[in-house]
Amino acid sequence: MTPVATGVRQTSGPARRLPAGLRLTRLFLASRRVLTCLLILVACAITLRVALQWLPRTGTLSRQIPLTVEAAAAAAIGVTTRSPFGDTERAAGRWLPLLRLAAVVVTTGAALGLLATGAASRHLAGGILDLLRDLGGFAGIALLAAAVVGSGLAWAGPLGYLVVAISAIEGNWTTPWVWPARPPHDHGAAICAVVVFAAGVVVHTLRPARSSARE
């Protein structure tokens, strides 16, 4: 028998999937509180600009304060990896690895752009290269901490490393694994920061962050 025309036109597969994909992306970003993270990053950029206005151009404070702001921005990125849905989301979402990757790239890129804007026309010790290296390394530590101890404690990773970095700056350490203590054009320090950031991104993409350390 010939199907009776009902006047309702069925939507093709790709056209039906597009709104569903956009809705999934919107829900994913909302569940991770990405907008809140961006607002925190804006606050970090404003803080950096105000601090650079009053900081001396030389001395340990000229390096410690920007590092503290960068660590705070990375901590916000790490906490944003938290999912309120836990195992249910992991079992049902096949597109989640790509969404996790995209969210990390967007938030890290936004952090870099906002902090660079906040430091524009101001004297930033080490310059933009130092900012890129240190922020990327801090973000990688935050992502790894989220995978190990839980996203709720992801801030402890970059802030703990900040304490080590400040000690390294004051003690003139030479190890490239404490990259904030090294000059901006130190290739070994840059490689270490890139390795940590890449490891954090890969781990977060393939393995979702724990909701807590007990999970």
N, C-alpha and C. Protein backbone atom coordinates (compact mmCIF):
# COMPACT_ATOMS: atom_id res chain seq x y z
N MET A 1 0.84 -1.19 0.00
CA MET A 1 0.00 0.00 0.00
C MET A 1 0.87 1.24 0.00
N THR A 2 0.38 2.28 -0.68
CA THR A 2 1.13 3.53 -0.74
C THR A 2 0.86 4.35 0.50
N PRO A 3 1.88 4.84 1.15
CA PRO A 3 1.67 5.63 2.36
C PRO A 3 0.86 6.87 2.04
N VAL A 4 -0.05 7.21 2.92
CA VAL A 4 -0.89 8.38 2.74
C VAL A 4 -0.12 9.62 3.12
N ALA A 5 -0.11 10.62 2.26
CA ALA A 5 0.58 11.88 2.53
C ALA A 5 -0.13 12.61 3.65
N THR A 6 0.60 13.01 4.62
CA THR A 6 0.00 13.69 5.77
C THR A 6 0.25 15.19 5.76
N GLY A 7 1.07 15.67 4.82
CA GLY A 7 1.38 17.08 4.77
C GLY A 7 2.50 17.48 5.71
N VAL A 8 3.00 16.51 6.51
CA VAL A 8 4.10 16.78 7.42
C VAL A 8 5.38 16.27 6.81
N ARG A 9 6.32 17.12 6.67
CA ARG A 9 7.55 16.74 6.01
C ARG A 9 8.58 16.30 7.05
N GLN A 10 9.05 15.08 6.89
CA GLN A 10 10.01 14.57 7.86
C GLN A 10 11.38 15.19 7.61
N THR A 11 12.05 15.52 8.70
CA THR A 11 13.37 16.15 8.61
C THR A 11 14.43 15.07 8.38
N SER A 12 15.37 15.39 7.53
CA SER A 12 16.43 14.44 7.24
C SER A 12 17.32 14.26 8.46
N GLY A 13 18.14 13.18 8.41
CA GLY A 13 18.98 12.84 9.55
C GLY A 13 19.93 13.95 9.98
N PRO A 14 20.79 14.49 9.05
CA PRO A 14 21.72 15.54 9.46
C PRO A 14 21.03 16.78 9.99
N ALA A 15 19.88 17.14 9.39
CA ALA A 15 19.17 18.33 9.85
C ALA A 15 18.59 18.13 11.24
N ARG A 16 18.21 16.90 11.55
CA ARG A 16 17.69 16.62 12.89
C ARG A 16 18.80 16.59 13.92
N ARG A 17 20.01 16.15 13.50
CA ARG A 17 21.10 16.04 14.44
C ARG A 17 21.70 17.39 14.80
N LEU A 18 21.60 18.37 13.89
CA LEU A 18 22.21 19.66 14.14
C LEU A 18 21.65 20.35 15.38
N PRO A 19 20.32 20.52 15.51
CA PRO A 19 19.80 21.13 16.74
C PRO A 19 20.15 20.32 17.98
N ALA A 20 20.15 19.00 17.86
CA ALA A 20 20.49 18.16 19.01
C ALA A 20 21.94 18.38 19.42
N GLY A 21 22.83 18.53 18.43
CA GLY A 21 24.23 18.79 18.74
C GLY A 21 24.44 20.13 19.40
N LEU A 22 23.73 21.15 18.91
CA LEU A 22 23.83 22.47 19.52
C LEU A 22 23.29 22.46 20.95
N ARG A 23 22.20 21.72 21.15
CA ARG A 23 21.62 21.64 22.49
C ARG A 23 22.57 20.90 23.44
N LEU A 24 23.21 19.84 22.94
CA LEU A 24 24.17 19.11 23.76
C LEU A 24 25.33 20.01 24.15
N THR A 25 25.83 20.79 23.18
CA THR A 25 26.94 21.70 23.46
C THR A 25 26.54 22.74 24.50
N ARG A 26 25.34 23.29 24.35
CA ARG A 26 24.87 24.30 25.30
C ARG A 26 24.75 23.71 26.70
N LEU A 27 24.18 22.51 26.80
CA LEU A 27 24.04 21.87 28.11
C LEU A 27 25.39 21.53 28.71
N PHE A 28 26.32 21.11 27.87
CA PHE A 28 27.66 20.77 28.36
C PHE A 28 28.33 22.00 28.93
N LEU A 29 28.30 23.12 28.20
CA LEU A 29 28.93 24.34 28.68
C LEU A 29 28.26 24.85 29.95
N ALA A 30 26.93 24.73 29.99
CA ALA A 30 26.21 25.18 31.19
C ALA A 30 26.55 24.31 32.40
N SER A 31 26.66 22.99 32.20
CA SER A 31 26.94 22.09 33.32
C SER A 31 28.34 22.31 33.87
N ARG A 32 29.26 22.75 33.03
CA ARG A 32 30.64 23.03 33.48
C ARG A 32 30.81 24.46 33.97
N ARG A 33 29.77 25.25 33.91
CA ARG A 33 29.83 26.66 34.33
C ARG A 33 30.94 27.40 33.61
N VAL A 34 30.98 27.21 32.29
CA VAL A 34 32.02 27.86 31.49
C VAL A 34 31.87 29.38 31.53
N LEU A 35 30.62 29.86 31.53
CA LEU A 35 30.42 31.31 31.59
C LEU A 35 30.99 31.88 32.88
N THR A 36 30.77 31.19 34.00
CA THR A 36 31.34 31.63 35.27
C THR A 36 32.86 31.64 35.20
N CYS A 37 33.43 30.63 34.56
CA CYS A 37 34.88 30.57 34.40
C CYS A 37 35.38 31.77 33.60
N LEU A 38 34.67 32.12 32.53
CA LEU A 38 35.09 33.27 31.72
C LEU A 38 35.02 34.56 32.52
N LEU A 39 34.01 34.69 33.37
CA LEU A 39 33.91 35.89 34.22
C LEU A 39 35.08 35.96 35.20
N ILE A 40 35.47 34.80 35.75
CA ILE A 40 36.62 34.76 36.65
C ILE A 40 37.89 35.14 35.91
N LEU A 41 38.01 34.68 34.66
CA LEU A 41 39.18 35.02 33.86
C LEU A 41 39.24 36.52 33.57
N VAL A 42 38.08 37.12 33.33
CA VAL A 42 38.03 38.58 33.15
C VAL A 42 38.50 39.28 34.42
N ALA A 43 38.05 38.79 35.57
CA ALA A 43 38.49 39.37 36.85
C ALA A 43 40.00 39.22 37.03
N CYS A 44 40.55 38.08 36.61
CA CYS A 44 42.00 37.87 36.70
C CYS A 44 42.74 38.87 35.81
N ALA A 45 42.22 39.11 34.61
CA ALA A 45 42.86 40.06 33.70
C ALA A 45 42.83 41.47 34.27
N ILE A 46 41.72 41.85 34.88
CA ILE A 46 41.62 43.18 35.50
C ILE A 46 42.59 43.29 36.67
N THR A 47 42.66 42.22 37.48
CA THR A 47 43.60 42.21 38.61
C THR A 47 45.04 42.35 38.14
N LEU A 48 45.38 41.64 37.06
CA LEU A 48 46.73 41.72 36.52
C LEU A 48 47.04 43.13 36.05
N ARG A 49 46.10 43.75 35.38
CA ARG A 49 46.34 45.11 34.87
C ARG A 49 46.54 46.10 36.02
N VAL A 50 45.69 46.00 37.04
CA VAL A 50 45.83 46.90 38.19
C VAL A 50 47.15 46.65 38.90
N ALA A 51 47.52 45.37 39.05
CA ALA A 51 48.77 45.04 39.74
C ALA A 51 49.98 45.57 38.97
N LEU A 52 49.97 45.43 37.65
CA LEU A 52 51.10 45.90 36.86
C LEU A 52 51.21 47.42 36.88
N GLN A 53 50.10 48.08 37.14
CA GLN A 53 50.13 49.53 37.22
C GLN A 53 50.96 50.01 38.42
N TRP A 54 50.93 49.22 39.51
CA TRP A 54 51.57 49.66 40.75
C TRP A 54 52.82 48.87 41.11
N LEU A 55 53.03 47.74 40.44
CA LEU A 55 54.19 46.91 40.78
C LEU A 55 55.49 47.56 40.30
N PRO A 56 56.58 47.32 41.02
CA PRO A 56 57.89 47.78 40.51
C PRO A 56 58.28 46.96 39.29
N ARG A 57 59.10 47.53 38.45
CA ARG A 57 59.50 46.85 37.22
C ARG A 57 60.52 45.75 37.46
N THR A 58 61.18 45.78 38.59
CA THR A 58 62.16 44.75 38.92
C THR A 58 61.87 44.20 40.31
N GLY A 59 62.55 43.10 40.63
CA GLY A 59 62.37 42.50 41.95
C GLY A 59 61.48 41.28 41.88
N THR A 60 61.40 40.55 43.00
CA THR A 60 60.63 39.31 43.03
C THR A 60 59.13 39.55 42.89
N LEU A 61 58.63 40.67 43.42
CA LEU A 61 57.19 40.94 43.32
C LEU A 61 56.74 41.10 41.88
N SER A 62 57.60 41.64 41.04
CA SER A 62 57.24 41.83 39.63
C SER A 62 57.02 40.50 38.92
N ARG A 63 57.51 39.39 39.50
CA ARG A 63 57.31 38.07 38.93
C ARG A 63 56.28 37.26 39.71
N GLN A 64 56.26 37.46 41.03
CA GLN A 64 55.38 36.65 41.86
C GLN A 64 53.90 37.00 41.66
N ILE A 65 53.56 38.27 41.58
CA ILE A 65 52.15 38.67 41.45
C ILE A 65 51.55 38.19 40.14
N PRO A 66 52.20 38.41 38.98
CA PRO A 66 51.65 37.85 37.74
C PRO A 66 51.51 36.33 37.78
N LEU A 67 52.48 35.65 38.40
CA LEU A 67 52.39 34.19 38.52
C LEU A 67 51.18 33.79 39.34
N THR A 68 50.90 34.53 40.40
CA THR A 68 49.74 34.23 41.24
C THR A 68 48.44 34.38 40.46
N VAL A 69 48.36 35.42 39.64
CA VAL A 69 47.17 35.63 38.81
C VAL A 69 47.03 34.50 37.79
N GLU A 70 48.14 34.09 37.19
CA GLU A 70 48.10 33.00 36.21
C GLU A 70 47.67 31.69 36.87
N ALA A 71 48.16 31.43 38.08
CA ALA A 71 47.76 30.22 38.80
C ALA A 71 46.28 30.25 39.13
N ALA A 72 45.75 31.42 39.49
CA ALA A 72 44.32 31.54 39.77
C ALA A 72 43.49 31.28 38.52
N ALA A 73 43.94 31.78 37.37
CA ALA A 73 43.24 31.53 36.12
C ALA A 73 43.24 30.04 35.78
N ALA A 74 44.39 29.38 35.96
CA ALA A 74 44.48 27.95 35.70
C ALA A 74 43.59 27.16 36.66
N ALA A 75 43.52 27.60 37.92
CA ALA A 75 42.66 26.92 38.89
C ALA A 75 41.20 26.99 38.45
N ALA A 76 40.78 28.14 37.90
CA ALA A 76 39.41 28.27 37.41
C ALA A 76 39.15 27.30 36.25
N ILE A 77 40.14 27.14 35.38
CA ILE A 77 40.01 26.20 34.26
C ILE A 77 39.88 24.77 34.78
N GLY A 78 40.66 24.43 35.80
CA GLY A 78 40.60 23.08 36.36
C GLY A 78 39.27 22.77 37.01
N VAL A 79 38.73 23.72 37.77
CA VAL A 79 37.45 23.49 38.45
C VAL A 79 36.32 23.37 37.44
N THR A 80 36.46 24.01 36.28
CA THR A 80 35.42 23.97 35.25
C THR A 80 35.25 22.57 34.65
N THR A 81 36.21 21.67 34.89
CA THR A 81 36.10 20.32 34.33
C THR A 81 35.07 19.47 35.06
N ARG A 82 34.53 19.95 36.15
CA ARG A 82 33.61 19.15 36.95
C ARG A 82 32.28 18.92 36.24
N SER A 83 31.81 17.68 36.29
CA SER A 83 30.48 17.33 35.77
C SER A 83 29.54 17.02 36.92
N PRO A 84 28.34 17.60 36.93
CA PRO A 84 27.38 17.30 37.99
C PRO A 84 26.64 15.99 37.79
N PHE A 85 26.88 15.32 36.64
CA PHE A 85 26.10 14.13 36.31
C PHE A 85 26.85 12.82 36.51
N GLY A 86 28.18 12.88 36.63
CA GLY A 86 28.97 11.70 36.95
C GLY A 86 28.85 10.57 35.95
N ASP A 87 28.65 9.34 36.47
CA ASP A 87 28.65 8.14 35.64
C ASP A 87 27.54 8.16 34.60
N THR A 88 26.40 8.76 34.90
CA THR A 88 25.30 8.80 33.93
C THR A 88 25.73 9.50 32.66
N GLU A 89 26.40 10.63 32.79
CA GLU A 89 26.86 11.37 31.62
C GLU A 89 27.92 10.58 30.86
N ARG A 90 28.81 9.94 31.58
CA ARG A 90 29.90 9.22 30.93
C ARG A 90 29.37 8.04 30.11
N ALA A 91 28.32 7.41 30.58
CA ALA A 91 27.78 6.25 29.88
C ALA A 91 26.97 6.65 28.67
N ALA A 92 26.39 7.84 28.68
CA ALA A 92 25.46 8.22 27.63
C ALA A 92 26.04 9.15 26.57
N GLY A 93 27.16 9.80 26.87
CA GLY A 93 27.65 10.83 25.96
C GLY A 93 28.85 10.39 25.15
N ARG A 94 28.64 10.00 23.89
CA ARG A 94 29.76 9.56 23.07
C ARG A 94 30.56 10.73 22.51
N TRP A 95 29.93 11.93 22.49
CA TRP A 95 30.62 13.11 21.97
C TRP A 95 31.36 13.87 23.07
N LEU A 96 31.31 13.38 24.29
CA LEU A 96 31.90 14.12 25.41
C LEU A 96 33.41 14.33 25.28
N PRO A 97 34.19 13.36 24.79
CA PRO A 97 35.63 13.65 24.64
C PRO A 97 35.92 14.87 23.77
N LEU A 98 35.19 14.99 22.66
CA LEU A 98 35.40 16.16 21.80
C LEU A 98 34.96 17.44 22.49
N LEU A 99 33.86 17.37 23.23
CA LEU A 99 33.39 18.55 23.95
C LEU A 99 34.37 18.94 25.06
N ARG A 100 34.92 17.94 25.74
CA ARG A 100 35.91 18.25 26.78
C ARG A 100 37.13 18.92 26.18
N LEU A 101 37.60 18.39 25.04
CA LEU A 101 38.76 18.97 24.37
C LEU A 101 38.47 20.41 23.95
N ALA A 102 37.30 20.62 23.33
CA ALA A 102 36.95 21.96 22.86
C ALA A 102 36.83 22.94 24.03
N ALA A 103 36.25 22.50 25.14
CA ALA A 103 36.07 23.39 26.29
C ALA A 103 37.42 23.81 26.87
N VAL A 104 38.36 22.86 26.95
CA VAL A 104 39.69 23.18 27.49
C VAL A 104 40.41 24.16 26.57
N VAL A 105 40.33 23.91 25.27
CA VAL A 105 41.00 24.80 24.31
C VAL A 105 40.41 26.20 24.39
N VAL A 106 39.08 26.29 24.47
CA VAL A 106 38.43 27.60 24.51
C VAL A 106 38.77 28.35 25.79
N THR A 107 38.66 27.68 26.94
CA THR A 107 38.91 28.38 28.20
C THR A 107 40.39 28.76 28.35
N THR A 108 41.29 27.88 27.93
CA THR A 108 42.71 28.21 28.01
C THR A 108 43.06 29.34 27.05
N GLY A 109 42.51 29.27 25.83
CA GLY A 109 42.74 30.36 24.88
C GLY A 109 42.18 31.67 25.37
N ALA A 110 40.99 31.61 25.99
CA ALA A 110 40.40 32.83 26.55
C ALA A 110 41.25 33.39 27.67
N ALA A 111 41.78 32.50 28.52
CA ALA A 111 42.64 32.96 29.61
C ALA A 111 43.88 33.66 29.08
N LEU A 112 44.50 33.07 28.06
CA LEU A 112 45.69 33.68 27.48
C LEU A 112 45.36 35.03 26.86
N GLY A 113 44.27 35.09 26.09
CA GLY A 113 43.90 36.34 25.44
C GLY A 113 43.55 37.43 26.43
N LEU A 114 42.80 37.08 27.48
CA LEU A 114 42.39 38.08 28.46
C LEU A 114 43.57 38.58 29.29
N LEU A 115 44.45 37.65 29.71
CA LEU A 115 45.60 38.08 30.49
C LEU A 115 46.58 38.89 29.65
N ALA A 116 46.73 38.51 28.38
CA ALA A 116 47.59 39.30 27.49
C ALA A 116 47.02 40.69 27.29
N THR A 117 45.70 40.78 27.19
CA THR A 117 45.06 42.09 27.07
C THR A 117 45.25 42.90 28.35
N GLY A 118 45.12 42.24 29.50
CA GLY A 118 45.33 42.94 30.75
C GLY A 118 46.76 43.44 30.91
N ALA A 119 47.72 42.74 30.31
CA ALA A 119 49.13 43.14 30.43
C ALA A 119 49.56 44.08 29.31
N ALA A 120 48.67 44.34 28.35
CA ALA A 120 49.02 45.19 27.21
C ALA A 120 49.41 46.59 27.70
N SER A 121 50.48 47.11 27.09
CA SER A 121 51.01 48.45 27.39
C SER A 121 51.47 48.57 28.84
N ARG A 122 51.65 47.46 29.53
CA ARG A 122 52.20 47.46 30.87
C ARG A 122 53.45 46.58 30.89
N HIS A 123 54.33 46.81 31.85
CA HIS A 123 55.57 46.05 31.92
C HIS A 123 55.30 44.71 32.61
N LEU A 124 55.31 43.64 31.82
CA LEU A 124 55.14 42.30 32.36
C LEU A 124 56.49 41.60 32.34
N ALA A 125 56.97 41.20 33.50
CA ALA A 125 58.27 40.53 33.58
C ALA A 125 58.24 39.26 32.74
N GLY A 126 59.16 39.17 31.79
CA GLY A 126 59.21 38.00 30.91
C GLY A 126 58.43 38.16 29.64
N GLY A 127 57.47 39.08 29.61
CA GLY A 127 56.71 39.34 28.40
C GLY A 127 55.65 38.27 28.13
N ILE A 128 55.08 38.34 26.92
CA ILE A 128 53.99 37.44 26.55
C ILE A 128 54.46 35.99 26.44
N LEU A 129 55.70 35.77 26.01
CA LEU A 129 56.21 34.39 25.92
C LEU A 129 56.21 33.72 27.29
N ASP A 130 56.63 34.48 28.30
CA ASP A 130 56.60 33.95 29.66
C ASP A 130 55.17 33.66 30.10
N LEU A 131 54.26 34.56 29.77
CA LEU A 131 52.85 34.37 30.11
C LEU A 131 52.29 33.11 29.46
N LEU A 132 52.58 32.92 28.18
CA LEU A 132 52.11 31.75 27.46
C LEU A 132 52.65 30.47 28.07
N ARG A 133 53.94 30.44 28.34
CA ARG A 133 54.57 29.23 28.91
C ARG A 133 54.02 28.91 30.29
N ASP A 134 54.01 29.92 31.16
CA ASP A 134 53.61 29.68 32.55
C ASP A 134 52.13 29.34 32.67
N LEU A 135 51.28 30.05 31.94
CA LEU A 135 49.84 29.78 32.01
C LEU A 135 49.53 28.39 31.46
N GLY A 136 50.17 28.03 30.33
CA GLY A 136 49.95 26.70 29.77
C GLY A 136 50.35 25.60 30.74
N GLY A 137 51.52 25.78 31.39
CA GLY A 137 51.96 24.78 32.36
C GLY A 137 51.03 24.69 33.55
N PHE A 138 50.60 25.84 34.07
CA PHE A 138 49.65 25.84 35.18
C PHE A 138 48.35 25.14 34.80
N ALA A 139 47.85 25.41 33.58
CA ALA A 139 46.61 24.78 33.14
C ALA A 139 46.76 23.26 33.04
N GLY A 140 47.90 22.81 32.53
CA GLY A 140 48.15 21.37 32.46
C GLY A 140 48.16 20.73 33.83
N ILE A 141 48.77 21.40 34.81
CA ILE A 141 48.79 20.88 36.18
C ILE A 141 47.37 20.81 36.73
N ALA A 142 46.56 21.83 36.46
CA ALA A 142 45.17 21.83 36.95
C ALA A 142 44.38 20.67 36.36
N LEU A 143 44.57 20.40 35.07
CA LEU A 143 43.84 19.30 34.43
C LEU A 143 44.28 17.94 34.98
N LEU A 144 45.57 17.78 35.21
CA LEU A 144 46.07 16.53 35.79
C LEU A 144 45.57 16.37 37.22
N ALA A 145 45.53 17.46 37.97
CA ALA A 145 45.03 17.39 39.34
C ALA A 145 43.56 17.01 39.36
N ALA A 146 42.78 17.53 38.39
CA ALA A 146 41.36 17.18 38.32
C ALA A 146 41.18 15.69 38.08
N ALA A 147 42.08 15.08 37.30
CA ALA A 147 41.97 13.64 37.02
C ALA A 147 42.39 12.80 38.22
N VAL A 148 43.28 13.33 39.05
CA VAL A 148 43.84 12.54 40.15
C VAL A 148 43.06 12.73 41.44
N VAL A 149 42.81 13.97 41.84
CA VAL A 149 42.19 14.23 43.14
C VAL A 149 40.76 14.74 43.04
N GLY A 150 40.28 14.93 41.81
CA GLY A 150 38.91 15.40 41.63
C GLY A 150 38.87 16.86 41.21
N SER A 151 37.88 17.19 40.39
CA SER A 151 37.78 18.54 39.86
C SER A 151 37.53 19.57 40.94
N GLY A 152 36.88 19.17 42.04
CA GLY A 152 36.64 20.12 43.11
C GLY A 152 37.90 20.58 43.80
N LEU A 153 38.97 19.77 43.69
CA LEU A 153 40.26 20.12 44.29
C LEU A 153 41.31 20.42 43.23
N ALA A 154 40.87 20.64 41.99
CA ALA A 154 41.83 20.88 40.91
C ALA A 154 42.65 22.14 41.15
N TRP A 155 42.09 23.10 41.89
CA TRP A 155 42.80 24.34 42.18
C TRP A 155 44.07 24.09 43.00
N ALA A 156 44.10 22.97 43.76
CA ALA A 156 45.25 22.70 44.62
C ALA A 156 46.51 22.43 43.80
N GLY A 157 46.35 21.91 42.58
CA GLY A 157 47.51 21.62 41.75
C GLY A 157 48.29 22.87 41.38
N PRO A 158 47.67 23.83 40.66
CA PRO A 158 48.42 25.04 40.30
C PRO A 158 48.84 25.89 41.49
N LEU A 159 48.03 25.94 42.54
CA LEU A 159 48.42 26.75 43.70
C LEU A 159 49.57 26.11 44.45
N GLY A 160 49.59 24.77 44.53
CA GLY A 160 50.73 24.10 45.15
C GLY A 160 52.00 24.29 44.34
N TYR A 161 51.87 24.22 43.01
CA TYR A 161 53.03 24.45 42.15
C TYR A 161 53.50 25.90 42.24
N LEU A 162 52.55 26.82 42.48
CA LEU A 162 52.90 28.23 42.63
C LEU A 162 53.86 28.42 43.80
N VAL A 163 53.59 27.74 44.90
CA VAL A 163 54.47 27.84 46.08
C VAL A 163 55.88 27.37 45.72
N VAL A 164 55.95 26.26 44.99
CA VAL A 164 57.26 25.74 44.57
C VAL A 164 57.95 26.73 43.62
N ALA A 165 57.16 27.32 42.69
CA ALA A 165 57.73 28.25 41.72
C ALA A 165 58.29 29.50 42.40
N ILE A 166 57.56 30.02 43.39
CA ILE A 166 58.05 31.21 44.09
C ILE A 166 59.34 30.90 44.84
N SER A 167 59.39 29.72 45.46
CA SER A 167 60.63 29.31 46.13
C SER A 167 61.77 29.17 45.13
N ALA A 168 61.46 28.67 43.93
CA ALA A 168 62.49 28.50 42.91
C ALA A 168 63.00 29.85 42.42
N ILE A 169 62.10 30.82 42.29
CA ILE A 169 62.53 32.16 41.86
C ILE A 169 63.44 32.80 42.89
N GLU A 170 63.07 32.66 44.16
CA GLU A 170 63.89 33.26 45.22
C GLU A 170 65.23 32.53 45.39
N GLY A 171 65.22 31.22 45.10
CA GLY A 171 66.44 30.44 45.26
C GLY A 171 67.25 30.27 43.99
N ASN A 172 66.79 30.89 42.88
CA ASN A 172 67.50 30.80 41.60
C ASN A 172 67.71 29.35 41.15
N TRP A 173 66.66 28.56 41.23
CA TRP A 173 66.75 27.18 40.77
C TRP A 173 66.96 27.15 39.26
N THR A 174 67.59 26.08 38.80
CA THR A 174 67.90 25.97 37.37
C THR A 174 67.17 24.83 36.66
N THR A 175 66.43 24.01 37.40
CA THR A 175 65.74 22.89 36.76
C THR A 175 64.64 23.40 35.82
N PRO A 176 64.54 22.87 34.61
CA PRO A 176 63.51 23.34 33.68
C PRO A 176 62.10 22.93 34.08
N TRP A 177 61.98 21.98 35.02
CA TRP A 177 60.64 21.55 35.44
C TRP A 177 59.97 22.58 36.35
N VAL A 178 60.73 23.54 36.83
CA VAL A 178 60.14 24.69 37.52
C VAL A 178 60.30 25.87 36.56
N TRP A 179 59.53 25.83 35.49
CA TRP A 179 59.72 26.77 34.38
C TRP A 179 59.52 28.24 34.75
N PRO A 180 58.68 28.61 35.73
CA PRO A 180 58.57 30.04 36.02
C PRO A 180 59.87 30.68 36.49
N ALA A 181 60.80 29.87 36.99
CA ALA A 181 62.07 30.41 37.47
C ALA A 181 63.09 30.57 36.35
N ARG A 182 62.75 30.12 35.17
CA ARG A 182 63.68 30.17 34.05
C ARG A 182 63.39 31.37 33.15
N PRO A 183 64.39 31.84 32.38
CA PRO A 183 64.18 32.97 31.47
C PRO A 183 63.14 32.63 30.40
N PRO A 184 62.53 33.65 29.78
CA PRO A 184 61.47 33.39 28.78
C PRO A 184 61.92 32.56 27.59
N HIS A 185 63.18 32.68 27.19
CA HIS A 185 63.65 31.97 25.99
C HIS A 185 64.37 30.67 26.34
N ASP A 186 64.16 30.15 27.54
CA ASP A 186 64.74 28.87 27.93
C ASP A 186 63.95 27.74 27.25
N HIS A 187 64.59 27.07 26.30
CA HIS A 187 63.89 26.04 25.52
C HIS A 187 63.50 24.84 26.37
N GLY A 188 64.36 24.45 27.30
CA GLY A 188 64.05 23.31 28.16
C GLY A 188 62.82 23.57 29.00
N ALA A 189 62.72 24.77 29.57
CA ALA A 189 61.55 25.11 30.38
C ALA A 189 60.29 25.14 29.53
N ALA A 190 60.40 25.68 28.31
CA ALA A 190 59.24 25.72 27.42
C ALA A 190 58.77 24.31 27.07
N ILE A 191 59.72 23.42 26.81
CA ILE A 191 59.36 22.03 26.47
C ILE A 191 58.66 21.36 27.65
N CYS A 192 59.16 21.58 28.87
CA CYS A 192 58.54 20.98 30.05
C CYS A 192 57.11 21.48 30.23
N ALA A 193 56.90 22.78 30.05
CA ALA A 193 55.55 23.34 30.19
C ALA A 193 54.61 22.78 29.12
N VAL A 194 55.10 22.66 27.89
CA VAL A 194 54.28 22.12 26.80
C VAL A 194 53.92 20.66 27.09
N VAL A 195 54.90 19.88 27.57
CA VAL A 195 54.64 18.47 27.88
C VAL A 195 53.56 18.33 28.95
N VAL A 196 53.65 19.15 30.00
CA VAL A 196 52.65 19.09 31.07
C VAL A 196 51.28 19.49 30.56
N PHE A 197 51.22 20.55 29.75
CA PHE A 197 49.92 20.98 29.22
C PHE A 197 49.33 19.93 28.30
N ALA A 198 50.16 19.37 27.41
CA ALA A 198 49.67 18.34 26.50
C ALA A 198 49.19 17.11 27.26
N ALA A 199 49.92 16.72 28.30
CA ALA A 199 49.50 15.57 29.10
C ALA A 199 48.17 15.85 29.78
N GLY A 200 48.00 17.05 30.30
CA GLY A 200 46.74 17.40 30.94
C GLY A 200 45.58 17.37 29.98
N VAL A 201 45.78 17.91 28.77
CA VAL A 201 44.71 17.93 27.77
C VAL A 201 44.35 16.52 27.34
N VAL A 202 45.35 15.68 27.09
CA VAL A 202 45.09 14.30 26.65
C VAL A 202 44.35 13.52 27.73
N VAL A 203 44.83 13.62 28.98
CA VAL A 203 44.18 12.90 30.07
C VAL A 203 42.75 13.37 30.25
N HIS A 204 42.54 14.67 30.21
CA HIS A 204 41.18 15.19 30.40
C HIS A 204 40.27 14.81 29.25
N THR A 205 40.80 14.77 28.03
CA THR A 205 39.98 14.41 26.87
C THR A 205 39.55 12.95 26.91
N LEU A 206 40.49 12.08 27.24
CA LEU A 206 40.21 10.65 27.21
C LEU A 206 39.57 10.13 28.50
N ARG A 207 39.83 10.82 29.60
CA ARG A 207 39.32 10.34 30.89
C ARG A 207 38.71 11.52 31.62
N PRO A 208 37.41 11.53 31.83
CA PRO A 208 36.78 12.67 32.50
C PRO A 208 37.28 12.86 33.91
N ALA A 209 37.27 14.11 34.35
CA ALA A 209 37.74 14.42 35.69
C ALA A 209 36.85 13.78 36.73
N ARG A 210 37.46 13.40 37.84
CA ARG A 210 36.67 12.87 38.96
C ARG A 210 35.86 13.99 39.59
N SER A 211 34.69 13.64 40.08
CA SER A 211 33.90 14.63 40.79
C SER A 211 34.46 14.89 42.17
N SER A 212 35.12 13.88 42.75
CA SER A 212 35.74 14.03 44.06
C SER A 212 36.91 13.08 44.15
N ALA A 213 37.73 13.25 45.18
CA ALA A 213 38.90 12.40 45.35
C ALA A 213 38.49 10.97 45.70
N ARG A 214 37.31 10.76 46.26
CA ARG A 214 36.87 9.42 46.66
C ARG A 214 36.27 8.63 45.51
N GLU A 215 36.02 9.28 44.38
CA GLU A 215 35.36 8.59 43.27
C GLU A 215 36.26 7.54 42.65
